[in-house]
N, C-alpha and C. Protein backbone atom coordinates (compact mmCIF):
# COMPACT_ATOMS: atom_id res chain seq x y z
N MET A 1 0.82 -1.21 0.00
CA MET A 1 0.00 0.00 0.00
C MET A 1 0.85 1.26 0.00
N GLN A 2 1.93 1.21 0.79
CA GLN A 2 2.79 2.38 0.84
C GLN A 2 3.44 2.64 -0.52
N ARG A 3 3.84 1.53 -1.14
CA ARG A 3 4.45 1.67 -2.46
C ARG A 3 3.47 2.24 -3.46
N ARG A 4 2.21 1.78 -3.37
CA ARG A 4 1.18 2.26 -4.30
C ARG A 4 0.90 3.74 -4.10
N SER A 5 0.79 4.18 -2.82
CA SER A 5 0.53 5.59 -2.54
C SER A 5 1.69 6.47 -3.00
N LYS A 6 2.92 5.95 -2.88
CA LYS A 6 4.08 6.69 -3.33
C LYS A 6 4.06 6.88 -4.83
N ILE A 7 3.64 5.83 -5.54
CA ILE A 7 3.55 5.90 -7.01
C ILE A 7 2.50 6.93 -7.42
N ILE A 8 1.38 6.96 -6.69
CA ILE A 8 0.31 7.91 -6.99
C ILE A 8 0.79 9.36 -6.79
N GLU A 9 1.55 9.58 -5.72
CA GLU A 9 2.09 10.91 -5.46
C GLU A 9 3.05 11.36 -6.57
N ILE A 10 3.88 10.41 -7.03
CA ILE A 10 4.82 10.72 -8.11
C ILE A 10 4.07 11.08 -9.39
N MET A 11 3.00 10.32 -9.69
CA MET A 11 2.20 10.57 -10.89
C MET A 11 1.52 11.94 -10.82
N LYS A 12 1.05 12.33 -9.63
CA LYS A 12 0.41 13.64 -9.46
C LYS A 12 1.39 14.77 -9.68
N SER A 13 2.61 14.60 -9.16
CA SER A 13 3.63 15.63 -9.32
C SER A 13 4.02 15.79 -10.78
N ILE A 14 4.10 14.66 -11.51
CA ILE A 14 4.42 14.71 -12.94
C ILE A 14 3.32 15.41 -13.72
N THR A 15 2.06 15.16 -13.32
CA THR A 15 0.91 15.75 -14.02
C THR A 15 0.83 17.25 -13.80
N THR A 16 1.12 17.70 -12.59
CA THR A 16 0.97 19.13 -12.26
C THR A 16 2.19 19.95 -12.66
N LEU A 17 3.33 19.29 -12.95
CA LEU A 17 4.55 20.02 -13.30
C LEU A 17 4.40 20.89 -14.55
N PRO A 18 3.85 20.37 -15.67
CA PRO A 18 3.68 21.24 -16.85
C PRO A 18 2.77 22.43 -16.58
N LEU A 19 1.74 22.23 -15.73
CA LEU A 19 0.83 23.33 -15.41
C LEU A 19 1.55 24.43 -14.63
N LYS A 20 2.41 24.02 -13.67
CA LYS A 20 3.17 25.00 -12.90
C LYS A 20 4.12 25.77 -13.80
N ARG A 21 4.75 25.04 -14.72
CA ARG A 21 5.66 25.70 -15.65
C ARG A 21 4.92 26.68 -16.55
N LYS A 22 3.73 26.30 -16.98
CA LYS A 22 2.91 27.15 -17.83
C LYS A 22 2.51 28.43 -17.11
N ASN A 23 2.10 28.27 -15.83
CA ASN A 23 1.72 29.45 -15.03
C ASN A 23 2.91 30.36 -14.78
N ALA A 24 4.08 29.75 -14.54
CA ALA A 24 5.29 30.55 -14.32
C ALA A 24 5.69 31.31 -15.57
N THR A 25 5.56 30.64 -16.74
CA THR A 25 5.88 31.28 -18.01
C THR A 25 4.92 32.43 -18.29
N LYS A 26 3.64 32.22 -18.00
CA LYS A 26 2.63 33.25 -18.22
C LYS A 26 2.90 34.47 -17.33
N LYS A 27 3.28 34.20 -16.07
CA LYS A 27 3.56 35.29 -15.14
C LYS A 27 4.76 36.10 -15.59
N SER A 28 5.82 35.40 -16.04
CA SER A 28 7.03 36.09 -16.49
C SER A 28 6.77 36.89 -17.76
N THR A 29 5.83 36.42 -18.60
CA THR A 29 5.49 37.14 -19.82
C THR A 29 4.76 38.44 -19.51
N LEU A 30 3.91 38.43 -18.49
CA LEU A 30 3.16 39.61 -18.12
C LEU A 30 4.00 40.64 -17.39
N GLN A 31 5.09 40.21 -16.77
CA GLN A 31 5.92 41.13 -16.01
C GLN A 31 6.57 42.18 -16.91
N LYS A 32 6.63 43.39 -16.39
CA LYS A 32 7.20 44.52 -17.13
C LYS A 32 8.29 45.19 -16.31
N LYS A 33 9.36 45.57 -16.99
CA LYS A 33 10.49 46.21 -16.32
C LYS A 33 10.53 47.69 -16.65
N CYS A 34 10.69 48.52 -15.63
CA CYS A 34 10.77 49.96 -15.83
C CYS A 34 12.10 50.29 -16.51
N GLN A 35 12.04 51.00 -17.62
CA GLN A 35 13.25 51.31 -18.36
C GLN A 35 14.07 52.43 -17.71
N TYR A 36 13.48 53.07 -16.71
CA TYR A 36 14.18 54.19 -16.07
C TYR A 36 14.88 53.81 -14.76
N CYS A 37 14.32 52.84 -14.01
CA CYS A 37 14.93 52.46 -12.74
C CYS A 37 15.09 50.94 -12.59
N SER A 38 14.69 50.16 -13.62
CA SER A 38 14.85 48.70 -13.66
C SER A 38 13.97 47.95 -12.66
N GLU A 39 13.01 48.62 -12.02
CA GLU A 39 12.09 47.93 -11.12
C GLU A 39 11.12 47.10 -11.94
N ILE A 40 10.76 45.90 -11.43
CA ILE A 40 9.91 44.97 -12.17
C ILE A 40 8.51 44.96 -11.57
N PHE A 41 7.49 44.93 -12.44
CA PHE A 41 6.09 44.94 -12.02
C PHE A 41 5.34 43.77 -12.63
N ASP A 42 4.25 43.38 -11.97
CA ASP A 42 3.49 42.20 -12.39
C ASP A 42 2.83 42.38 -13.74
N ASN A 43 2.46 43.61 -14.09
CA ASN A 43 1.79 43.84 -15.36
C ASN A 43 2.03 45.27 -15.83
N PHE A 44 1.52 45.57 -17.01
CA PHE A 44 1.75 46.88 -17.63
C PHE A 44 1.04 48.00 -16.87
N LEU A 45 -0.13 47.71 -16.32
CA LEU A 45 -0.89 48.74 -15.61
C LEU A 45 -0.13 49.24 -14.38
N LYS A 46 0.50 48.31 -13.66
CA LYS A 46 1.28 48.69 -12.48
C LYS A 46 2.53 49.47 -12.89
N LEU A 47 3.12 49.08 -14.02
CA LEU A 47 4.27 49.82 -14.53
C LEU A 47 3.88 51.23 -14.93
N LYS A 48 2.74 51.35 -15.58
CA LYS A 48 2.23 52.65 -16.01
C LYS A 48 1.97 53.58 -14.82
N GLU A 49 1.40 53.04 -13.75
CA GLU A 49 1.13 53.83 -12.55
C GLU A 49 2.45 54.25 -11.89
N HIS A 50 3.43 53.37 -11.93
CA HIS A 50 4.75 53.68 -11.37
C HIS A 50 5.39 54.85 -12.12
N ILE A 51 5.37 54.80 -13.45
CA ILE A 51 5.96 55.87 -14.26
C ILE A 51 5.20 57.18 -14.04
N LYS A 52 3.91 57.08 -13.88
CA LYS A 52 3.08 58.27 -13.66
C LYS A 52 3.47 58.99 -12.38
N ASN A 53 3.76 58.24 -11.32
CA ASN A 53 4.04 58.83 -10.01
C ASN A 53 5.52 59.09 -9.74
N LYS A 54 6.39 58.24 -10.29
CA LYS A 54 7.81 58.31 -9.94
C LYS A 54 8.70 58.93 -11.01
N HIS A 55 8.26 58.93 -12.26
CA HIS A 55 9.12 59.42 -13.35
C HIS A 55 8.39 60.46 -14.20
N THR A 56 7.96 61.51 -13.56
CA THR A 56 7.20 62.54 -14.27
C THR A 56 8.03 63.24 -15.33
N GLU A 57 9.36 63.24 -15.18
CA GLU A 57 10.21 63.93 -16.14
C GLU A 57 10.26 63.22 -17.49
N PHE A 58 9.78 61.96 -17.53
CA PHE A 58 9.81 61.21 -18.78
C PHE A 58 8.44 61.16 -19.48
N HIS A 59 7.46 61.87 -18.95
CA HIS A 59 6.13 61.84 -19.54
C HIS A 59 6.14 62.41 -20.96
N SER A 60 5.34 61.82 -21.83
CA SER A 60 5.21 62.30 -23.21
C SER A 60 4.20 63.45 -23.25
N ARG A 61 4.48 64.44 -24.07
CA ARG A 61 3.63 65.63 -24.14
C ARG A 61 3.03 65.78 -25.53
N CYS A 62 1.74 66.08 -25.58
CA CYS A 62 1.05 66.32 -26.84
C CYS A 62 1.54 67.65 -27.44
N PRO A 63 2.01 67.65 -28.69
CA PRO A 63 2.49 68.89 -29.29
C PRO A 63 1.37 69.86 -29.64
N GLN A 64 0.13 69.40 -29.59
CA GLN A 64 -1.00 70.25 -29.95
C GLN A 64 -1.58 70.99 -28.75
N CYS A 65 -1.87 70.27 -27.68
CA CYS A 65 -2.53 70.87 -26.52
C CYS A 65 -1.67 70.90 -25.27
N GLY A 66 -0.52 70.22 -25.29
CA GLY A 66 0.37 70.23 -24.15
C GLY A 66 0.04 69.22 -23.07
N MET A 67 -0.99 68.42 -23.24
CA MET A 67 -1.37 67.42 -22.25
C MET A 67 -0.27 66.36 -22.14
N THR A 68 0.01 65.90 -20.91
CA THR A 68 1.09 64.93 -20.71
C THR A 68 0.54 63.54 -20.43
N PHE A 69 1.33 62.51 -20.79
CA PHE A 69 0.94 61.12 -20.63
C PHE A 69 2.12 60.34 -20.09
N SER A 70 1.84 59.36 -19.24
CA SER A 70 2.91 58.59 -18.61
C SER A 70 3.60 57.65 -19.60
N VAL A 71 2.89 57.18 -20.61
CA VAL A 71 3.50 56.28 -21.61
C VAL A 71 3.16 56.78 -23.02
N PRO A 72 4.06 56.56 -23.99
CA PRO A 72 3.83 57.03 -25.36
C PRO A 72 2.57 56.46 -26.02
N GLN A 73 2.17 55.24 -25.60
CA GLN A 73 0.99 54.62 -26.20
C GLN A 73 -0.26 55.47 -25.98
N ASP A 74 -0.37 56.06 -24.77
CA ASP A 74 -1.54 56.90 -24.48
C ASP A 74 -1.53 58.17 -25.32
N LEU A 75 -0.35 58.71 -25.58
CA LEU A 75 -0.24 59.89 -26.43
C LEU A 75 -0.68 59.57 -27.86
N THR A 76 -0.29 58.39 -28.34
CA THR A 76 -0.68 57.97 -29.69
C THR A 76 -2.20 57.90 -29.83
N VAL A 77 -2.86 57.29 -28.83
CA VAL A 77 -4.33 57.20 -28.84
C VAL A 77 -4.95 58.59 -28.78
N HIS A 78 -4.38 59.44 -27.96
CA HIS A 78 -4.86 60.82 -27.79
C HIS A 78 -4.83 61.56 -29.13
N LEU A 79 -3.73 61.41 -29.87
CA LEU A 79 -3.59 62.11 -31.15
C LEU A 79 -4.50 61.52 -32.22
N ARG A 80 -4.63 60.20 -32.22
CA ARG A 80 -5.47 59.54 -33.23
C ARG A 80 -6.95 59.88 -33.05
N THR A 81 -7.37 60.02 -31.80
CA THR A 81 -8.78 60.32 -31.52
C THR A 81 -9.06 61.82 -31.45
N LYS A 82 -8.00 62.63 -31.65
CA LYS A 82 -8.14 64.10 -31.65
C LYS A 82 -8.83 64.59 -30.37
N SER A 83 -8.26 64.19 -29.24
CA SER A 83 -8.87 64.48 -27.94
C SER A 83 -8.26 65.71 -27.25
N CYS A 84 -7.64 66.59 -28.00
CA CYS A 84 -7.01 67.77 -27.41
C CYS A 84 -8.06 68.68 -26.77
N LYS A 85 -7.74 69.17 -25.58
CA LYS A 85 -8.60 70.13 -24.88
C LYS A 85 -7.76 71.33 -24.50
N PHE A 86 -8.34 72.52 -24.68
CA PHE A 86 -7.61 73.75 -24.41
C PHE A 86 -8.30 74.54 -23.30
N GLU A 87 -7.47 75.20 -22.48
CA GLU A 87 -8.00 76.04 -21.43
C GLU A 87 -8.51 77.35 -22.02
N GLU A 88 -9.67 77.80 -21.55
CA GLU A 88 -10.23 79.04 -22.07
C GLU A 88 -9.39 80.26 -21.65
N GLN A 89 -8.93 80.27 -20.42
CA GLN A 89 -8.10 81.36 -19.93
C GLN A 89 -6.79 80.77 -19.42
N SER A 90 -5.73 81.00 -20.17
CA SER A 90 -4.45 80.42 -19.82
C SER A 90 -3.59 81.43 -19.08
N THR A 91 -2.83 80.94 -18.11
CA THR A 91 -1.90 81.78 -17.36
C THR A 91 -0.47 81.57 -17.84
N LYS A 92 -0.30 80.79 -18.91
CA LYS A 92 1.03 80.52 -19.44
C LYS A 92 1.61 81.74 -20.15
N LYS A 93 2.92 81.76 -20.26
CA LYS A 93 3.62 82.92 -20.80
C LYS A 93 3.42 83.09 -22.31
N HIS A 94 3.40 81.98 -23.04
CA HIS A 94 3.30 82.03 -24.51
C HIS A 94 2.00 81.38 -24.97
N ILE A 95 1.29 82.05 -25.88
CA ILE A 95 0.02 81.54 -26.42
C ILE A 95 0.12 81.48 -27.93
N CYS A 96 -0.33 80.37 -28.50
CA CYS A 96 -0.30 80.18 -29.95
C CYS A 96 -1.19 81.21 -30.64
N SER A 97 -0.71 81.73 -31.77
CA SER A 97 -1.47 82.72 -32.52
C SER A 97 -2.56 82.10 -33.38
N SER A 98 -2.54 80.76 -33.50
CA SER A 98 -3.52 80.08 -34.37
C SER A 98 -4.54 79.25 -33.60
N CYS A 99 -4.25 78.92 -32.32
CA CYS A 99 -5.18 78.13 -31.52
C CYS A 99 -5.01 78.51 -30.05
N SER A 100 -5.60 77.74 -29.17
CA SER A 100 -5.59 78.07 -27.74
C SER A 100 -4.44 77.45 -26.97
N TYR A 101 -3.52 76.82 -27.66
CA TYR A 101 -2.39 76.18 -26.97
C TYR A 101 -1.52 77.23 -26.29
N SER A 102 -1.04 76.92 -25.08
CA SER A 102 -0.18 77.85 -24.34
C SER A 102 0.88 77.07 -23.58
N THR A 103 2.00 77.71 -23.33
CA THR A 103 3.11 77.07 -22.62
C THR A 103 4.03 78.15 -22.06
N ASP A 104 4.83 77.76 -21.10
CA ASP A 104 5.82 78.67 -20.53
C ASP A 104 7.16 78.59 -21.26
N SER A 105 7.30 77.62 -22.16
CA SER A 105 8.55 77.42 -22.88
C SER A 105 8.53 78.12 -24.23
N HIS A 106 9.55 78.91 -24.48
CA HIS A 106 9.64 79.60 -25.78
C HIS A 106 9.86 78.61 -26.91
N ALA A 107 10.71 77.59 -26.68
CA ALA A 107 10.98 76.59 -27.71
C ALA A 107 9.72 75.78 -28.04
N GLN A 108 8.92 75.48 -27.02
CA GLN A 108 7.71 74.69 -27.25
C GLN A 108 6.68 75.45 -28.07
N ILE A 109 6.53 76.76 -27.83
CA ILE A 109 5.55 77.52 -28.59
C ILE A 109 6.01 77.69 -30.04
N LEU A 110 7.32 77.85 -30.26
CA LEU A 110 7.84 77.93 -31.63
C LEU A 110 7.64 76.60 -32.36
N PHE A 111 7.89 75.51 -31.64
CA PHE A 111 7.70 74.18 -32.22
C PHE A 111 6.23 73.95 -32.56
N HIS A 112 5.34 74.30 -31.65
CA HIS A 112 3.92 74.12 -31.86
C HIS A 112 3.43 74.94 -33.06
N GLU A 113 3.84 76.20 -33.14
CA GLU A 113 3.38 77.05 -34.25
C GLU A 113 3.96 76.58 -35.58
N ALA A 114 5.16 76.00 -35.56
CA ALA A 114 5.74 75.47 -36.80
C ALA A 114 4.91 74.31 -37.34
N LEU A 115 4.27 73.55 -36.43
CA LEU A 115 3.44 72.42 -36.87
C LEU A 115 2.16 72.89 -37.55
N HIS A 116 1.77 74.15 -37.33
CA HIS A 116 0.62 74.70 -38.04
C HIS A 116 0.95 74.98 -39.50
N GLY A 117 2.24 75.10 -39.79
CA GLY A 117 2.67 75.41 -41.15
C GLY A 117 2.58 74.21 -42.07
N GLU A 118 2.84 74.44 -43.34
CA GLU A 118 2.77 73.39 -44.35
C GLU A 118 4.06 72.57 -44.31
N PRO A 119 3.98 71.26 -44.05
CA PRO A 119 5.20 70.44 -44.01
C PRO A 119 5.76 70.17 -45.40
N LEU A 120 7.03 69.86 -45.45
CA LEU A 120 7.70 69.52 -46.70
C LEU A 120 8.03 68.03 -46.69
N LEU A 121 7.74 67.35 -47.79
CA LEU A 121 8.02 65.92 -47.89
C LEU A 121 9.41 65.75 -48.48
N MET A 122 10.32 65.22 -47.67
CA MET A 122 11.72 65.10 -48.10
C MET A 122 12.26 63.72 -47.79
N PRO A 123 13.24 63.26 -48.57
CA PRO A 123 13.87 61.95 -48.27
C PRO A 123 14.75 62.08 -47.06
N PRO A 124 14.91 61.01 -46.28
CA PRO A 124 15.79 61.07 -45.11
C PRO A 124 17.24 61.24 -45.51
N SER A 125 18.01 61.94 -44.71
CA SER A 125 19.42 62.14 -45.01
C SER A 125 20.15 60.82 -44.84
N ASP A 126 20.99 60.51 -45.80
CA ASP A 126 21.71 59.23 -45.76
C ASP A 126 23.10 59.44 -46.35
N GLU A 127 24.10 59.33 -45.50
CA GLU A 127 25.46 59.57 -45.94
C GLU A 127 25.96 58.49 -46.90
N LEU A 128 25.31 57.33 -46.87
CA LEU A 128 25.72 56.23 -47.74
C LEU A 128 25.11 56.33 -49.12
N GLY A 129 24.28 57.31 -49.35
CA GLY A 129 23.70 57.51 -50.66
C GLY A 129 22.55 56.59 -50.98
N GLU A 130 21.90 56.01 -49.96
CA GLU A 130 20.79 55.08 -50.18
C GLU A 130 19.46 55.70 -49.81
N GLY A 131 19.43 57.03 -49.64
CA GLY A 131 18.22 57.70 -49.19
C GLY A 131 17.06 57.58 -50.16
N SER A 132 17.36 57.43 -51.47
CA SER A 132 16.30 57.39 -52.47
C SER A 132 15.42 56.16 -52.33
N SER A 133 15.96 55.09 -51.71
CA SER A 133 15.19 53.86 -51.57
C SER A 133 14.37 53.84 -50.28
N LYS A 134 14.52 54.86 -49.45
CA LYS A 134 13.80 54.90 -48.19
C LYS A 134 12.56 55.77 -48.28
N LYS A 135 11.67 55.57 -47.35
CA LYS A 135 10.41 56.32 -47.33
C LYS A 135 10.65 57.79 -46.99
N GLN A 136 10.01 58.69 -47.69
CA GLN A 136 10.14 60.11 -47.42
C GLN A 136 9.39 60.48 -46.14
N ILE A 137 9.91 61.47 -45.43
CA ILE A 137 9.31 61.88 -44.17
C ILE A 137 9.02 63.38 -44.19
N LEU A 138 8.10 63.80 -43.32
CA LEU A 138 7.71 65.20 -43.27
C LEU A 138 8.76 66.03 -42.53
N HIS A 139 9.07 67.20 -43.09
CA HIS A 139 9.97 68.15 -42.47
C HIS A 139 9.25 69.47 -42.26
N TYR A 140 9.67 70.19 -41.20
CA TYR A 140 9.07 71.48 -40.89
C TYR A 140 10.15 72.55 -40.85
N LYS A 141 9.80 73.76 -41.27
CA LYS A 141 10.76 74.85 -41.33
C LYS A 141 10.94 75.48 -39.95
N CYS A 142 12.20 75.72 -39.60
CA CYS A 142 12.50 76.41 -38.35
C CYS A 142 12.12 77.89 -38.51
N PRO A 143 11.32 78.44 -37.61
CA PRO A 143 10.91 79.84 -37.73
C PRO A 143 12.03 80.84 -37.44
N LYS A 144 13.18 80.35 -37.00
CA LYS A 144 14.28 81.25 -36.65
C LYS A 144 15.39 81.30 -37.71
N CYS A 145 15.64 80.18 -38.37
CA CYS A 145 16.76 80.16 -39.33
C CYS A 145 16.39 79.59 -40.69
N ASP A 146 15.13 79.20 -40.89
CA ASP A 146 14.61 78.69 -42.16
C ASP A 146 15.19 77.34 -42.58
N ARG A 147 15.94 76.68 -41.70
CA ARG A 147 16.35 75.31 -41.99
C ARG A 147 15.17 74.39 -41.75
N VAL A 148 15.18 73.21 -42.36
CA VAL A 148 14.07 72.28 -42.20
C VAL A 148 14.53 71.04 -41.43
N PHE A 149 13.62 70.51 -40.61
CA PHE A 149 13.93 69.36 -39.77
C PHE A 149 12.72 68.44 -39.71
N PRO A 150 12.94 67.14 -39.47
CA PRO A 150 11.80 66.26 -39.16
C PRO A 150 11.21 66.67 -37.82
N LYS A 151 9.97 66.31 -37.60
CA LYS A 151 9.28 66.70 -36.36
C LYS A 151 10.03 66.26 -35.11
N SER A 152 10.66 65.10 -35.16
CA SER A 152 11.35 64.56 -33.99
C SER A 152 12.58 65.37 -33.60
N SER A 153 13.12 66.17 -34.52
CA SER A 153 14.35 66.93 -34.25
C SER A 153 14.13 68.43 -34.13
N LEU A 154 12.98 68.91 -34.56
CA LEU A 154 12.77 70.36 -34.63
C LEU A 154 12.83 71.04 -33.26
N GLU A 155 12.13 70.49 -32.25
CA GLU A 155 12.08 71.15 -30.95
C GLU A 155 13.47 71.24 -30.31
N CYS A 156 14.27 70.18 -30.45
CA CYS A 156 15.62 70.22 -29.90
C CYS A 156 16.46 71.28 -30.62
N HIS A 157 16.27 71.42 -31.92
CA HIS A 157 16.98 72.46 -32.66
C HIS A 157 16.57 73.85 -32.18
N LEU A 158 15.30 74.03 -31.92
CA LEU A 158 14.80 75.34 -31.49
C LEU A 158 15.40 75.77 -30.15
N ARG A 159 15.77 74.80 -29.32
CA ARG A 159 16.38 75.14 -28.04
C ARG A 159 17.76 75.78 -28.22
N ILE A 160 18.38 75.55 -29.38
CA ILE A 160 19.65 76.23 -29.68
C ILE A 160 19.40 77.73 -29.80
N HIS A 161 18.27 78.10 -30.42
CA HIS A 161 17.93 79.51 -30.58
C HIS A 161 17.47 80.14 -29.26
N THR A 162 16.68 79.39 -28.50
CA THR A 162 16.11 79.96 -27.26
C THR A 162 17.04 79.79 -26.05
N LYS A 163 18.13 79.02 -26.22
CA LYS A 163 19.09 78.77 -25.14
C LYS A 163 18.46 78.01 -23.95
N GLU A 164 17.38 77.28 -24.19
CA GLU A 164 16.73 76.52 -23.12
C GLU A 164 17.41 75.16 -22.96
N ARG A 165 17.63 74.78 -21.73
CA ARG A 165 18.23 73.48 -21.39
C ARG A 165 17.39 72.88 -20.26
N PRO A 166 16.24 72.27 -20.61
CA PRO A 166 15.26 71.85 -19.58
C PRO A 166 15.64 70.62 -18.78
N TYR A 167 16.63 69.86 -19.22
CA TYR A 167 16.98 68.62 -18.53
C TYR A 167 18.22 68.84 -17.66
N THR A 168 18.06 68.67 -16.35
CA THR A 168 19.13 68.95 -15.39
C THR A 168 19.56 67.67 -14.67
N CYS A 169 20.86 67.43 -14.62
CA CYS A 169 21.40 66.27 -13.93
C CYS A 169 21.15 66.39 -12.43
N SER A 170 20.64 65.34 -11.82
CA SER A 170 20.33 65.35 -10.40
C SER A 170 21.57 65.13 -9.53
N PHE A 171 22.72 64.86 -10.17
CA PHE A 171 23.95 64.61 -9.43
C PHE A 171 24.89 65.81 -9.45
N CYS A 172 25.05 66.43 -10.62
CA CYS A 172 26.03 67.52 -10.73
C CYS A 172 25.42 68.81 -11.24
N LYS A 173 24.09 68.82 -11.49
CA LYS A 173 23.36 70.02 -11.92
C LYS A 173 23.74 70.49 -13.33
N ALA A 174 24.43 69.66 -14.11
CA ALA A 174 24.67 70.00 -15.51
C ALA A 174 23.33 69.97 -16.25
N SER A 175 23.14 70.86 -17.21
CA SER A 175 21.87 70.93 -17.92
C SER A 175 22.07 70.62 -19.39
N PHE A 176 21.00 70.10 -20.01
CA PHE A 176 21.08 69.64 -21.40
C PHE A 176 19.84 70.05 -22.18
N ALA A 177 20.01 70.27 -23.46
CA ALA A 177 18.89 70.61 -24.33
C ALA A 177 18.21 69.35 -24.85
N ARG A 178 18.94 68.24 -24.90
CA ARG A 178 18.40 66.99 -25.43
C ARG A 178 18.26 65.95 -24.32
N LYS A 179 17.14 65.25 -24.31
CA LYS A 179 16.87 64.24 -23.29
C LYS A 179 17.86 63.09 -23.37
N ASN A 180 18.22 62.65 -24.60
CA ASN A 180 19.13 61.52 -24.75
C ASN A 180 20.50 61.81 -24.13
N ASN A 181 21.00 63.03 -24.36
CA ASN A 181 22.29 63.40 -23.78
C ASN A 181 22.23 63.43 -22.25
N TRP A 182 21.11 63.92 -21.74
CA TRP A 182 20.90 63.97 -20.29
C TRP A 182 20.87 62.57 -19.68
N LEU A 183 20.11 61.64 -20.31
CA LEU A 183 20.01 60.27 -19.81
C LEU A 183 21.37 59.57 -19.84
N PHE A 184 22.10 59.78 -20.93
CA PHE A 184 23.43 59.17 -21.07
C PHE A 184 24.36 59.70 -19.98
N HIS A 185 24.27 60.99 -19.73
CA HIS A 185 25.11 61.63 -18.71
C HIS A 185 24.78 61.09 -17.31
N GLU A 186 23.50 60.97 -16.98
CA GLU A 186 23.12 60.48 -15.65
C GLU A 186 23.48 59.01 -15.46
N LYS A 187 23.43 58.23 -16.53
CA LYS A 187 23.79 56.81 -16.43
C LYS A 187 25.26 56.65 -16.06
N LYS A 188 26.09 57.59 -16.51
CA LYS A 188 27.50 57.53 -16.18
C LYS A 188 27.71 57.74 -14.67
N HIS A 189 26.85 58.57 -14.07
CA HIS A 189 26.93 58.78 -12.63
C HIS A 189 26.50 57.52 -11.87
N THR A 190 25.38 56.93 -12.28
CA THR A 190 24.82 55.78 -11.55
C THR A 190 25.62 54.51 -11.78
N SER A 191 26.33 54.40 -12.91
CA SER A 191 27.09 53.18 -13.19
C SER A 191 28.41 53.13 -12.45
N GLU A 192 28.84 54.27 -11.96
CA GLU A 192 30.11 54.31 -11.23
C GLU A 192 29.87 54.00 -9.76
N LYS A 193 30.41 52.91 -9.28
CA LYS A 193 30.23 52.53 -7.87
C LYS A 193 31.02 53.45 -6.95
N ALA A 194 32.20 53.84 -7.38
CA ALA A 194 33.03 54.76 -6.59
C ALA A 194 33.24 56.03 -7.40
N PRO A 195 33.36 57.18 -6.74
CA PRO A 195 33.60 58.44 -7.46
C PRO A 195 34.85 58.37 -8.31
N ALA A 196 34.73 58.76 -9.53
CA ALA A 196 35.87 58.73 -10.44
C ALA A 196 36.83 59.86 -10.12
N LYS A 197 38.13 59.57 -10.23
CA LYS A 197 39.13 60.59 -9.97
C LYS A 197 39.24 61.51 -11.19
N VAL A 198 39.11 62.78 -10.95
CA VAL A 198 39.16 63.75 -12.04
C VAL A 198 40.61 64.00 -12.40
N SER A 199 40.94 63.75 -13.64
CA SER A 199 42.30 63.94 -14.09
C SER A 199 42.63 65.41 -14.22
N LYS A 200 43.87 65.75 -13.84
CA LYS A 200 44.31 67.13 -13.96
C LYS A 200 44.73 67.47 -15.38
N GLU A 201 44.93 66.44 -16.21
CA GLU A 201 45.32 66.67 -17.58
C GLU A 201 44.15 67.21 -18.38
N LYS A 202 44.46 67.99 -19.38
CA LYS A 202 43.44 68.58 -20.23
C LYS A 202 42.75 67.50 -21.05
N VAL A 203 41.43 67.48 -21.00
CA VAL A 203 40.66 66.49 -21.76
C VAL A 203 40.45 67.00 -23.17
N ILE A 204 40.82 66.17 -24.15
CA ILE A 204 40.68 66.56 -25.55
C ILE A 204 39.42 65.94 -26.11
N PRO A 205 38.50 66.73 -26.68
CA PRO A 205 37.27 66.18 -27.24
C PRO A 205 37.57 65.19 -28.35
N THR A 206 36.79 64.10 -28.41
CA THR A 206 36.95 63.15 -29.49
C THR A 206 36.40 63.74 -30.78
N GLU A 207 36.90 63.27 -31.88
CA GLU A 207 36.49 63.81 -33.18
C GLU A 207 35.00 63.57 -33.42
N GLY A 208 34.29 64.63 -33.76
CA GLY A 208 32.85 64.53 -34.01
C GLY A 208 32.01 64.70 -32.76
N ARG A 209 32.63 64.83 -31.57
CA ARG A 209 31.90 65.03 -30.30
C ARG A 209 32.59 66.17 -29.55
N PRO A 210 32.40 67.40 -30.00
CA PRO A 210 33.18 68.55 -29.50
C PRO A 210 32.73 69.10 -28.15
N PHE A 211 31.56 68.69 -27.63
CA PHE A 211 31.04 69.29 -26.40
C PHE A 211 31.33 68.39 -25.20
N LEU A 212 32.02 68.97 -24.21
CA LEU A 212 32.45 68.21 -23.04
C LEU A 212 31.65 68.58 -21.80
N CYS A 213 31.37 67.56 -20.97
CA CYS A 213 30.78 67.81 -19.66
C CYS A 213 31.86 68.37 -18.74
N SER A 214 31.56 69.48 -18.07
CA SER A 214 32.55 70.14 -17.22
C SER A 214 32.84 69.35 -15.94
N THR A 215 32.01 68.35 -15.63
CA THR A 215 32.18 67.58 -14.40
C THR A 215 32.88 66.24 -14.61
N CYS A 216 32.38 65.46 -15.58
CA CYS A 216 32.93 64.11 -15.75
C CYS A 216 33.76 63.95 -17.02
N GLY A 217 33.77 64.96 -17.90
CA GLY A 217 34.59 64.89 -19.09
C GLY A 217 33.97 64.13 -20.24
N ALA A 218 32.71 63.70 -20.12
CA ALA A 218 32.03 63.00 -21.22
C ALA A 218 31.85 63.93 -22.40
N SER A 219 32.01 63.40 -23.61
CA SER A 219 31.89 64.22 -24.81
C SER A 219 30.56 63.92 -25.52
N PHE A 220 30.01 64.94 -26.17
CA PHE A 220 28.71 64.82 -26.84
C PHE A 220 28.78 65.48 -28.22
N MET A 221 27.94 64.98 -29.13
CA MET A 221 27.87 65.57 -30.46
C MET A 221 27.18 66.91 -30.45
N LYS A 222 26.17 67.05 -29.55
CA LYS A 222 25.39 68.29 -29.50
C LYS A 222 25.25 68.73 -28.07
N ARG A 223 24.97 70.03 -27.88
CA ARG A 223 24.79 70.58 -26.56
C ARG A 223 23.53 70.04 -25.92
């Protein structure tokens, strides 16, 4: 009898093992990792709430009405459904001359008003000479220098004219006009377990990256 009961227990464990593995796989598939602090959450909704409360500096902003969203997916839905809402009486410093959009940032109002203009359909720049085979993208004219840029690059370019540097390092207070440069700079701080010794020798910028951080010596292509 003991032998028989032992066999039954073994058979039950074999039967339930694939189910446990399936549940574990399903749970790991649903889990989401925060790209800003590497914290792991059980599902996307919990991750979204975390970004909403803990990482407000990474929120996506609607270029039309200025509304912010914790994840880019919500901004995409907002734009597709044309859900922009404008305040009737704005206390912001800059107001669009064509609609009710307002903001305190000079670069943002210039960027917003440029989007009211007629875009130009141009091939993407390609140093290898293969641009003709790629899909053409919309470009917008800079209201300050008449150069044209894709939408994704125009606002950062406008900050060169307005001298705005909205992204500030939380470790050394260095400021940046571009979010990517700021993130790269902060990662260098967090990846160093011990404070790096600052060399007394003059740091020479690498070719093609002429802008140096005054604190850690990191070089960047753009300010």
